[in-house]
């Protein structure tokens, strides 16, 4: 818990506590898109973006509004919707 960040990015001033975090960060610089949709071929840098995209194909809406029957593909859409109830 020293706050030490022994893994510096060679391309920008950022540094990281773990090498895995540095590797993930380096996608910002390399453009590596490690996640490819098997249904349409789109590629993504981040797993979270890939997972969100998959919901376009499946129709999954895992974020239900507790106040009405609507459900959403991501938590930010649910948060925005919740304001309609206030």
PDB file of N, CA and C in Angstrom:
ATOM      1  N   UNK A   1       0.821  -1.204   0.000  1.00  0.00           N
ATOM      2  CA  UNK A   1       0.000   0.000   0.000  1.00  0.00           C
ATOM      3  C   UNK A   1       0.859   1.259   0.000  1.00  0.00           C
ATOM      4  N   UNK A   2       1.999   1.165  -0.683  1.00  0.00           N
ATOM      5  CA  UNK A   2       2.913   2.308  -0.694  1.00  0.00           C
ATOM      6  C   UNK A   2       2.570   3.320  -1.780  1.00  0.00           C
ATOM      7  N   UNK A   3       1.705   2.948  -2.700  1.00  0.00           N
ATOM      8  CA  UNK A   3       1.394   3.834  -3.808  1.00  0.00           C
ATOM      9  C   UNK A   3       2.430   3.760  -4.913  1.00  0.00           C
ATOM     10  N   UNK A   4       3.380   2.857  -4.771  1.00  0.00           N
ATOM     11  CA  UNK A   4       4.429   2.699  -5.771  1.00  0.00           C
ATOM     12  C   UNK A   4       3.833   2.219  -7.094  1.00  0.00           C
ATOM     13  N   UNK A   5       4.354   2.769  -8.177  1.00  0.00           N
ATOM     14  CA  UNK A   5       3.901   2.400  -9.522  1.00  0.00           C
ATOM     15  C   UNK A   5       5.140   2.065 -10.361  1.00  0.00           C
ATOM     16  N   UNK A   6       5.613   0.833 -10.227  1.00  0.00           N
ATOM     17  CA  UNK A   6       6.882   0.464 -10.857  1.00  0.00           C
ATOM     18  C   UNK A   6       6.808   0.141 -12.350  1.00  0.00           C
ATOM     19  N   UNK A   7       5.627   0.259 -12.960  1.00  0.00           N
ATOM     20  CA  UNK A   7       5.485  -0.083 -14.373  1.00  0.00           C
ATOM     21  C   UNK A   7       5.110   1.161 -15.179  1.00  0.00           C
ATOM     22  N   UNK A   8       6.108   1.927 -15.623  1.00  0.00           N
ATOM     23  CA  UNK A   8       5.817   3.148 -16.381  1.00  0.00           C
ATOM     24  C   UNK A   8       5.487   2.833 -17.835  1.00  0.00           C
ATOM     25  N   UNK A   9       4.623   3.627 -18.392  1.00  0.00           N
ATOM     26  CA  UNK A   9       4.322   3.529 -19.817  1.00  0.00           C
ATOM     27  C   UNK A   9       5.467   4.195 -20.578  1.00  0.00           C
ATOM     28  N   UNK A  10       6.031   3.515 -21.560  1.00  0.00           N
ATOM     29  CA  UNK A  10       7.132   4.129 -22.313  1.00  0.00           C
ATOM     30  C   UNK A  10       6.684   5.233 -23.274  1.00  0.00           C
ATOM     31  N   UNK A  11       5.371   5.398 -23.431  1.00  0.00           N
ATOM     32  CA  UNK A  11       4.886   6.367 -24.414  1.00  0.00           C
ATOM     33  C   UNK A  11       4.174   7.572 -23.810  1.00  0.00           C
ATOM     34  N   UNK A  12       3.935   7.550 -22.507  1.00  0.00           N
ATOM     35  CA  UNK A  12       3.293   8.695 -21.857  1.00  0.00           C
ATOM     36  C   UNK A  12       3.692   8.698 -20.382  1.00  0.00           C
ATOM     37  N   UNK A  13       3.310   9.715 -19.633  1.00  0.00           N
ATOM     38  CA  UNK A  13       3.744   9.833 -18.235  1.00  0.00           C
ATOM     39  C   UNK A  13       3.084   8.862 -17.247  1.00  0.00           C
ATOM     40  N   UNK A  14       2.113   8.087 -17.672  1.00  0.00           N
ATOM     41  CA  UNK A  14       1.404   7.222 -16.732  1.00  0.00           C
ATOM     42  C   UNK A  14       2.274   6.057 -16.268  1.00  0.00           C
ATOM     43  N   UNK A  15       1.996   5.614 -15.033  1.00  0.00           N
ATOM     44  CA  UNK A  15       2.675   4.446 -14.476  1.00  0.00           C
ATOM     45  C   UNK A  15       1.641   3.626 -13.715  1.00  0.00           C
ATOM     46  N   UNK A  16       1.938   2.335 -13.537  1.00  0.00           N
ATOM     47  CA  UNK A  16       0.943   1.413 -13.008  1.00  0.00           C
ATOM     48  C   UNK A  16       1.517   0.516 -11.924  1.00  0.00           C
ATOM     49  N   UNK A  17       0.635   0.055 -11.050  1.00  0.00           N
ATOM     50  CA  UNK A  17       1.016  -0.825  -9.944  1.00  0.00           C
ATOM     51  C   UNK A  17       1.310  -2.239 -10.419  1.00  0.00           C
ATOM     52  N   UNK A  18       0.632  -2.660 -11.501  1.00  0.00           N
ATOM     53  CA  UNK A  18       0.797  -4.027 -11.996  1.00  0.00           C
ATOM     54  C   UNK A  18       1.095  -4.000 -13.495  1.00  0.00           C
ATOM     55  N   UNK A  19       1.874  -4.969 -13.926  1.00  0.00           N
ATOM     56  CA  UNK A  19       2.227  -5.038 -15.350  1.00  0.00           C
ATOM     57  C   UNK A  19       0.995  -5.286 -16.213  1.00  0.00           C
ATOM     58  N   UNK A  20       0.010  -6.015 -15.687  1.00  0.00           N
ATOM     59  CA  UNK A  20      -1.203  -6.281 -16.467  1.00  0.00           C
ATOM     60  C   UNK A  20      -1.965  -4.984 -16.747  1.00  0.00           C
ATOM     61  N   UNK A  21      -1.947  -4.055 -15.803  1.00  0.00           N
ATOM     62  CA  UNK A  21      -2.607  -2.764 -16.021  1.00  0.00           C
ATOM     63  C   UNK A  21      -1.875  -1.952 -17.089  1.00  0.00           C
ATOM     64  N   UNK A  22      -0.550  -2.035 -17.078  1.00  0.00           N
ATOM     65  CA  UNK A  22       0.232  -1.363 -18.118  1.00  0.00           C
ATOM     66  C   UNK A  22      -0.097  -1.950 -19.488  1.00  0.00           C
ATOM     67  N   UNK A  23      -0.166  -3.270 -19.576  1.00  0.00           N
ATOM     68  CA  UNK A  23      -0.468  -3.916 -20.857  1.00  0.00           C
ATOM     69  C   UNK A  23      -1.835  -3.481 -21.382  1.00  0.00           C
ATOM     70  N   UNK A  24      -2.818  -3.417 -20.499  1.00  0.00           N
ATOM     71  CA  UNK A  24      -4.148  -2.966 -20.903  1.00  0.00           C
ATOM     72  C   UNK A  24      -4.090  -1.514 -21.372  1.00  0.00           C
ATOM     73  N   UNK A  25      -3.400  -0.676 -20.621  1.00  0.00           N
ATOM     74  CA  UNK A  25      -3.269   0.740 -20.974  1.00  0.00           C
ATOM     75  C   UNK A  25      -2.616   0.920 -22.343  1.00  0.00           C
ATOM     76  N   UNK A  26      -1.652   0.094 -22.677  1.00  0.00           N
ATOM     77  CA  UNK A  26      -0.899   0.286 -23.920  1.00  0.00           C
ATOM     78  C   UNK A  26      -1.769   0.154 -25.165  1.00  0.00           C
ATOM     79  N   UNK A  27      -2.950  -0.417 -25.040  1.00  0.00           N
ATOM     80  CA  UNK A  27      -3.865  -0.463 -26.186  1.00  0.00           C
ATOM     81  C   UNK A  27      -4.243   0.943 -26.649  1.00  0.00           C
ATOM     82  N   UNK A  28      -4.201   1.892 -25.721  1.00  0.00           N
ATOM     83  CA  UNK A  28      -4.489   3.288 -26.074  1.00  0.00           C
ATOM     84  C   UNK A  28      -3.500   3.764 -27.138  1.00  0.00           C
ATOM     85  N   UNK A  29      -2.258   3.337 -27.008  1.00  0.00           N
ATOM     86  CA  UNK A  29      -1.208   3.786 -27.917  1.00  0.00           C
ATOM     87  C   UNK A  29      -1.070   2.896 -29.157  1.00  0.00           C
ATOM     88  N   UNK A  30      -1.281   1.600 -28.999  1.00  0.00           N
ATOM     89  CA  UNK A  30      -1.031   0.670 -30.109  1.00  0.00           C
ATOM     90  C   UNK A  30      -2.222   0.519 -31.037  1.00  0.00           C
ATOM     91  N   UNK A  31      -3.415   0.792 -30.520  1.00  0.00           N
ATOM     92  CA  UNK A  31      -4.612   0.585 -31.327  1.00  0.00           C
ATOM     93  C   UNK A  31      -5.037  -0.869 -31.394  1.00  0.00           C
ATOM     94  N   UNK A  32      -4.378  -1.754 -30.632  1.00  0.00           N
ATOM     95  CA  UNK A  32      -4.724  -3.177 -30.640  1.00  0.00           C
ATOM     96  C   UNK A  32      -6.182  -3.366 -30.266  1.00  0.00           C
ATOM     97  N   UNK A  33      -6.891  -4.100 -31.088  1.00  0.00           N
ATOM     98  CA  UNK A  33      -8.302  -4.397 -30.840  1.00  0.00           C
ATOM     99  C   UNK A  33      -8.410  -5.902 -30.644  1.00  0.00           C
ATOM    100  N   UNK A  34      -8.290  -6.318 -29.379  1.00  0.00           N
ATOM    101  CA  UNK A  34      -8.173  -7.734 -29.048  1.00  0.00           C
ATOM    102  C   UNK A  34      -9.499  -8.481 -29.015  1.00  0.00           C
ATOM    103  N   UNK A  35     -10.614  -7.778 -29.112  1.00  0.00           N
ATOM    104  CA  UNK A  35     -11.925  -8.416 -28.976  1.00  0.00           C
ATOM    105  C   UNK A  35     -12.694  -8.268 -30.287  1.00  0.00           C
ATOM    106  N   UNK A  36     -13.021  -9.399 -30.916  1.00  0.00           N
ATOM    107  CA  UNK A  36     -13.745  -9.363 -32.191  1.00  0.00           C
ATOM    108  C   UNK A  36     -15.090 -10.063 -32.066  1.00  0.00           C
ATOM    109  N   UNK A  37     -16.117  -9.407 -32.582  1.00  0.00           N
ATOM    110  CA  UNK A  37     -17.464  -9.964 -32.584  1.00  0.00           C
ATOM    111  C   UNK A  37     -17.542 -11.072 -33.632  1.00  0.00           C
ATOM    112  N   UNK A  38     -17.958 -12.254 -33.211  1.00  0.00           N
ATOM    113  CA  UNK A  38     -18.049 -13.378 -34.144  1.00  0.00           C
ATOM    114  C   UNK A  38     -19.251 -13.251 -35.074  1.00  0.00           C
ATOM    115  N   UNK A  39     -20.185 -12.378 -34.737  1.00  0.00           N
ATOM    116  CA  UNK A  39     -21.383 -12.243 -35.566  1.00  0.00           C
ATOM    117  C   UNK A  39     -21.233 -11.216 -36.680  1.00  0.00           C
ATOM    118  N   UNK A  40     -20.549 -10.113 -36.400  1.00  0.00           N
ATOM    119  CA  UNK A  40     -20.463  -9.069 -37.430  1.00  0.00           C
ATOM    120  C   UNK A  40     -19.035  -8.637 -37.750  1.00  0.00           C
ATOM    121  N   UNK A  41     -18.057  -9.116 -36.980  1.00  0.00           N
ATOM    122  CA  UNK A  41     -16.669  -8.813 -37.278  1.00  0.00           C
ATOM    123  C   UNK A  41     -16.117  -7.533 -36.683  1.00  0.00           C
ATOM    124  N   UNK A  42     -16.946  -6.720 -36.042  1.00  0.00           N
ATOM    125  CA  UNK A  42     -16.431  -5.502 -35.414  1.00  0.00           C
ATOM    126  C   UNK A  42     -15.402  -5.867 -34.352  1.00  0.00           C
ATOM    127  N   UNK A  43     -14.409  -4.998 -34.175  1.00  0.00           N
ATOM    128  CA  UNK A  43     -13.374  -5.243 -33.178  1.00  0.00           C
ATOM    129  C   UNK A  43     -13.363  -4.124 -32.145  1.00  0.00           C
ATOM    130  N   UNK A  44     -12.869  -4.466 -30.951  1.00  0.00           N
ATOM    131  CA  UNK A  44     -12.906  -3.546 -29.819  1.00  0.00           C
ATOM    132  C   UNK A  44     -11.610  -3.633 -29.029  1.00  0.00           C
ATOM    133  N   UNK A  45     -11.189  -2.486 -28.480  1.00  0.00           N
ATOM    134  CA  UNK A  45     -10.016  -2.455 -27.610  1.00  0.00           C
ATOM    135  C   UNK A  45     -10.337  -2.991 -26.224  1.00  0.00           C
ATOM    136  N   UNK A  46     -11.539  -2.763 -25.761  1.00  0.00           N
ATOM    137  CA  UNK A  46     -11.882  -3.031 -24.375  1.00  0.00           C
ATOM    138  C   UNK A  46     -12.970  -4.095 -24.277  1.00  0.00           C
ATOM    139  N   UNK A  47     -12.818  -5.004 -23.319  1.00  0.00           N
ATOM    140  CA  UNK A  47     -13.797  -6.072 -23.102  1.00  0.00           C
ATOM    141  C   UNK A  47     -15.173  -5.496 -22.804  1.00  0.00           C
ATOM    142  N   UNK A  48     -15.224  -4.416 -22.048  1.00  0.00           N
ATOM    143  CA  UNK A  48     -16.518  -3.835 -21.686  1.00  0.00           C
ATOM    144  C   UNK A  48     -17.257  -3.311 -22.918  1.00  0.00           C
ATOM    145  N   UNK A  49     -16.535  -2.752 -23.880  1.00  0.00           N
ATOM    146  CA  UNK A  49     -17.171  -2.266 -25.107  1.00  0.00           C
ATOM    147  C   UNK A  49     -17.666  -3.439 -25.950  1.00  0.00           C
ATOM    148  N   UNK A  50     -16.872  -4.511 -25.979  1.00  0.00           N
ATOM    149  CA  UNK A  50     -17.274  -5.719 -26.701  1.00  0.00           C
ATOM    150  C   UNK A  50     -18.542  -6.313 -26.084  1.00  0.00           C
ATOM    151  N   UNK A  51     -18.568  -6.398 -24.758  1.00  0.00           N
ATOM    152  CA  UNK A  51     -19.734  -6.963 -24.068  1.00  0.00           C
ATOM    153  C   UNK A  51     -20.978  -6.113 -24.322  1.00  0.00           C
ATOM    154  N   UNK A  52     -20.832  -4.808 -24.283  1.00  0.00           N
ATOM    155  CA  UNK A  52     -21.961  -3.926 -24.574  1.00  0.00           C
ATOM    156  C   UNK A  52     -22.438  -4.149 -26.008  1.00  0.00           C
ATOM    157  N   UNK A  53     -21.498  -4.253 -26.935  1.00  0.00           N
ATOM    158  CA  UNK A  53     -21.852  -4.484 -28.338  1.00  0.00           C
ATOM    159  C   UNK A  53     -22.627  -5.791 -28.504  1.00  0.00           C
ATOM    160  N   UNK A  54     -22.234  -6.820 -27.786  1.00  0.00           N
ATOM    161  CA  UNK A  54     -22.922  -8.109 -27.904  1.00  0.00           C
ATOM    162  C   UNK A  54     -24.410  -7.974 -27.607  1.00  0.00           C
ATOM    163  N   UNK A  55     -24.757  -7.048 -26.758  1.00  0.00           N
ATOM    164  CA  UNK A  55     -26.168  -6.830 -26.429  1.00  0.00           C
ATOM    165  C   UNK A  55     -26.954  -6.305 -27.627  1.00  0.00           C
ATOM    166  N   UNK A  56     -26.265  -5.729 -28.615  1.00  0.00           N
ATOM    167  CA  UNK A  56     -26.942  -5.302 -29.840  1.00  0.00           C
ATOM    168  C   UNK A  56     -27.494  -6.520 -30.575  1.00  0.00           C
ATOM    169  N   UNK A  57     -26.751  -7.625 -30.501  1.00  0.00           N
ATOM    170  CA  UNK A  57     -27.155  -8.852 -31.188  1.00  0.00           C
ATOM    171  C   UNK A  57     -28.145  -9.676 -30.363  1.00  0.00           C
ATOM    172  N   UNK A  58     -27.928  -9.720 -29.051  1.00  0.00           N
ATOM    173  CA  UNK A  58     -28.751 -10.595 -28.205  1.00  0.00           C
ATOM    174  C   UNK A  58     -30.024  -9.920 -27.719  1.00  0.00           C
ATOM    175  N   UNK A  59     -30.005  -8.577 -27.684  1.00  0.00           N
ATOM    176  CA  UNK A  59     -31.151  -7.853 -27.141  1.00  0.00           C
ATOM    177  C   UNK A  59     -31.179  -7.842 -25.622  1.00  0.00           C
ATOM    178  N   UNK A  60     -30.130  -8.372 -24.999  1.00  0.00           N
ATOM    179  CA  UNK A  60     -30.076  -8.413 -23.535  1.00  0.00           C
ATOM    180  C   UNK A  60     -30.122  -7.001 -22.958  1.00  0.00           C
ATOM    181  N   UNK A  61     -30.892  -6.844 -21.903  1.00  0.00           N
ATOM    182  CA  UNK A  61     -31.003  -5.570 -21.182  1.00  0.00           C
ATOM    183  C   UNK A  61     -30.921  -5.883 -19.687  1.00  0.00           C
ATOM    184  N   UNK A  62     -29.696  -6.006 -19.177  1.00  0.00           N
ATOM    185  CA  UNK A  62     -29.510  -6.483 -17.808  1.00  0.00           C
ATOM    186  C   UNK A  62     -29.685  -5.438 -16.703  1.00  0.00           C
ATOM    187  N   UNK A  63     -30.096  -4.219 -17.056  1.00  0.00           N
ATOM    188  CA  UNK A  63     -30.250  -3.160 -16.062  1.00  0.00           C
ATOM    189  C   UNK A  63     -31.705  -2.708 -16.001  1.00  0.00           C
ATOM    190  N   UNK A  64     -32.522  -3.391 -15.193  1.00  0.00           N
ATOM    191  CA  UNK A  64     -33.943  -3.031 -15.109  1.00  0.00           C
ATOM    192  C   UNK A  64     -34.171  -1.814 -14.218  1.00  0.00           C
ATOM    193  N   UNK A  65     -35.147  -1.023 -14.571  1.00  0.00           N
ATOM    194  CA  UNK A  65     -35.572   0.090 -13.725  1.00  0.00           C
ATOM    195  C   UNK A  65     -36.431  -0.493 -12.604  1.00  0.00           C
ATOM    196  N   UNK A  66     -36.131  -0.153 -11.356  1.00  0.00           N
ATOM    197  CA  UNK A  66     -36.944  -0.680 -10.254  1.00  0.00           C
ATOM    198  C   UNK A  66     -38.302   0.013 -10.132  1.00  0.00           C
ATOM    199  N   UNK A  67     -38.506   1.080 -10.911  1.00  0.00           N
ATOM    200  CA  UNK A  67     -39.732   1.864 -10.788  1.00  0.00           C
ATOM    201  C   UNK A  67     -40.720   1.678 -11.940  1.00  0.00           C
ATOM    202  N   UNK A  68     -40.285   1.013 -13.011  1.00  0.00           N
ATOM    203  CA  UNK A  68     -41.177   0.779 -14.147  1.00  0.00           C
ATOM    204  C   UNK A  68     -40.677  -0.449 -14.912  1.00  0.00           C
ATOM    205  N   UNK A  69     -41.385  -0.882 -15.927  1.00  0.00           N
ATOM    206  CA  UNK A  69     -40.990  -2.111 -16.642  1.00  0.00           C
ATOM    207  C   UNK A  69     -39.791  -1.977 -17.589  1.00  0.00           C
ATOM    208  N   UNK A  70     -39.261  -0.793 -17.781  1.00  0.00           N
ATOM    209  CA  UNK A  70     -38.166  -0.616 -18.734  1.00  0.00           C
ATOM    210  C   UNK A  70     -36.869  -1.244 -18.222  1.00  0.00           C
ATOM    211  N   UNK A  71     -36.032  -1.664 -19.176  1.00  0.00           N
ATOM    212  CA  UNK A  71     -34.705  -2.200 -18.860  1.00  0.00           C
ATOM    213  C   UNK A  71     -33.724  -1.651 -19.895  1.00  0.00           C
ATOM    214  N   UNK A  72     -32.439  -1.635 -19.533  1.00  0.00           N
ATOM    215  CA  UNK A  72     -31.440  -0.958 -20.349  1.00  0.00           C
ATOM    216  C   UNK A  72     -30.202  -1.815 -20.547  1.00  0.00           C
ATOM    217  N   UNK A  73     -29.461  -1.486 -21.607  1.00  0.00           N
ATOM    218  CA  UNK A  73     -28.267  -2.245 -21.963  1.00  0.00           C
ATOM    219  C   UNK A  73     -27.061  -1.880 -21.113  1.00  0.00           C
ATOM    220  N   UNK A  74     -27.093  -0.697 -20.497  1.00  0.00           N
ATOM    221  CA  UNK A  74     -25.967  -0.306 -19.646  1.00  0.00           C
ATOM    222  C   UNK A  74     -26.457   0.531 -18.470  1.00  0.00           C
ATOM    223  N   UNK A  75     -25.611   0.607 -17.459  1.00  0.00           N
ATOM    224  CA  UNK A  75     -25.997   1.286 -16.220  1.00  0.00           C
ATOM    225  C   UNK A  75     -26.156   2.791 -16.416  1.00  0.00           C
ATOM    226  N   UNK A  76     -25.387   3.380 -17.322  1.00  0.00           N
ATOM    227  CA  UNK A  76     -25.510   4.829 -17.522  1.00  0.00           C
ATOM    228  C   UNK A  76     -26.866   5.185 -18.138  1.00  0.00           C
ATOM    229  N   UNK A  77     -27.372   4.343 -19.019  1.00  0.00           N
ATOM    230  CA  UNK A  77     -28.708   4.594 -19.582  1.00  0.00           C
ATOM    231  C   UNK A  77     -29.777   4.475 -18.507  1.00  0.00           C
ATOM    232  N   UNK A  78     -29.618   3.519 -17.620  1.00  0.00           N
ATOM    233  CA  UNK A  78     -30.561   3.378 -16.508  1.00  0.00           C
ATOM    234  C   UNK A  78     -30.511   4.613 -15.614  1.00  0.00           C
ATOM    235  N   UNK A  79     -29.314   5.086 -15.279  1.00  0.00           N
ATOM    236  CA  UNK A  79     -29.181   6.284 -14.434  1.00  0.00           C
ATOM    237  C   UNK A  79     -29.871   7.474 -15.083  1.00  0.00           C
ATOM    238  N   UNK A  80     -29.654   7.670 -16.374  1.00  0.00           N
ATOM    239  CA  UNK A  80     -30.282   8.776 -17.100  1.00  0.00           C
ATOM    240  C   UNK A  80     -31.806   8.629 -17.060  1.00  0.00           C
ATOM    241  N   UNK A  81     -32.295   7.415 -17.258  1.00  0.00           N
ATOM    242  CA  UNK A  81     -33.734   7.150 -17.235  1.00  0.00           C
ATOM    243  C   UNK A  81     -34.336   7.433 -15.862  1.00  0.00           C
ATOM    244  N   UNK A  82     -33.612   7.099 -14.807  1.00  0.00           N
ATOM    245  CA  UNK A  82     -34.138   7.275 -13.445  1.00  0.00           C
ATOM    246  C   UNK A  82     -34.563   8.713 -13.184  1.00  0.00           C
ATOM    247  N   UNK A  83     -33.939   9.664 -13.864  1.00  0.00           N
ATOM    248  CA  UNK A  83     -34.301  11.078 -13.684  1.00  0.00           C
ATOM    249  C   UNK A  83     -35.710  11.368 -14.187  1.00  0.00           C
ATOM    250  N   UNK A  84     -36.236  10.520 -15.055  1.00  0.00           N
ATOM    251  CA  UNK A  84     -37.599  10.750 -15.543  1.00  0.00           C
ATOM    252  C   UNK A  84     -38.637  10.451 -14.464  1.00  0.00           C
ATOM    253  N   UNK A  85     -38.228   9.762 -13.415  1.00  0.00           N
ATOM    254  CA  UNK A  85     -39.150   9.416 -12.335  1.00  0.00           C
ATOM    255  C   UNK A  85     -39.132  10.443 -11.198  1.00  0.00           C
ATOM    256  N   UNK A  86     -38.236  11.411 -11.256  1.00  0.00           N
ATOM    257  CA  UNK A  86     -38.149  12.393 -10.157  1.00  0.00           C
ATOM    258  C   UNK A  86     -38.940  13.645 -10.466  1.00  0.00           C
TER     259      UNK A  86
END
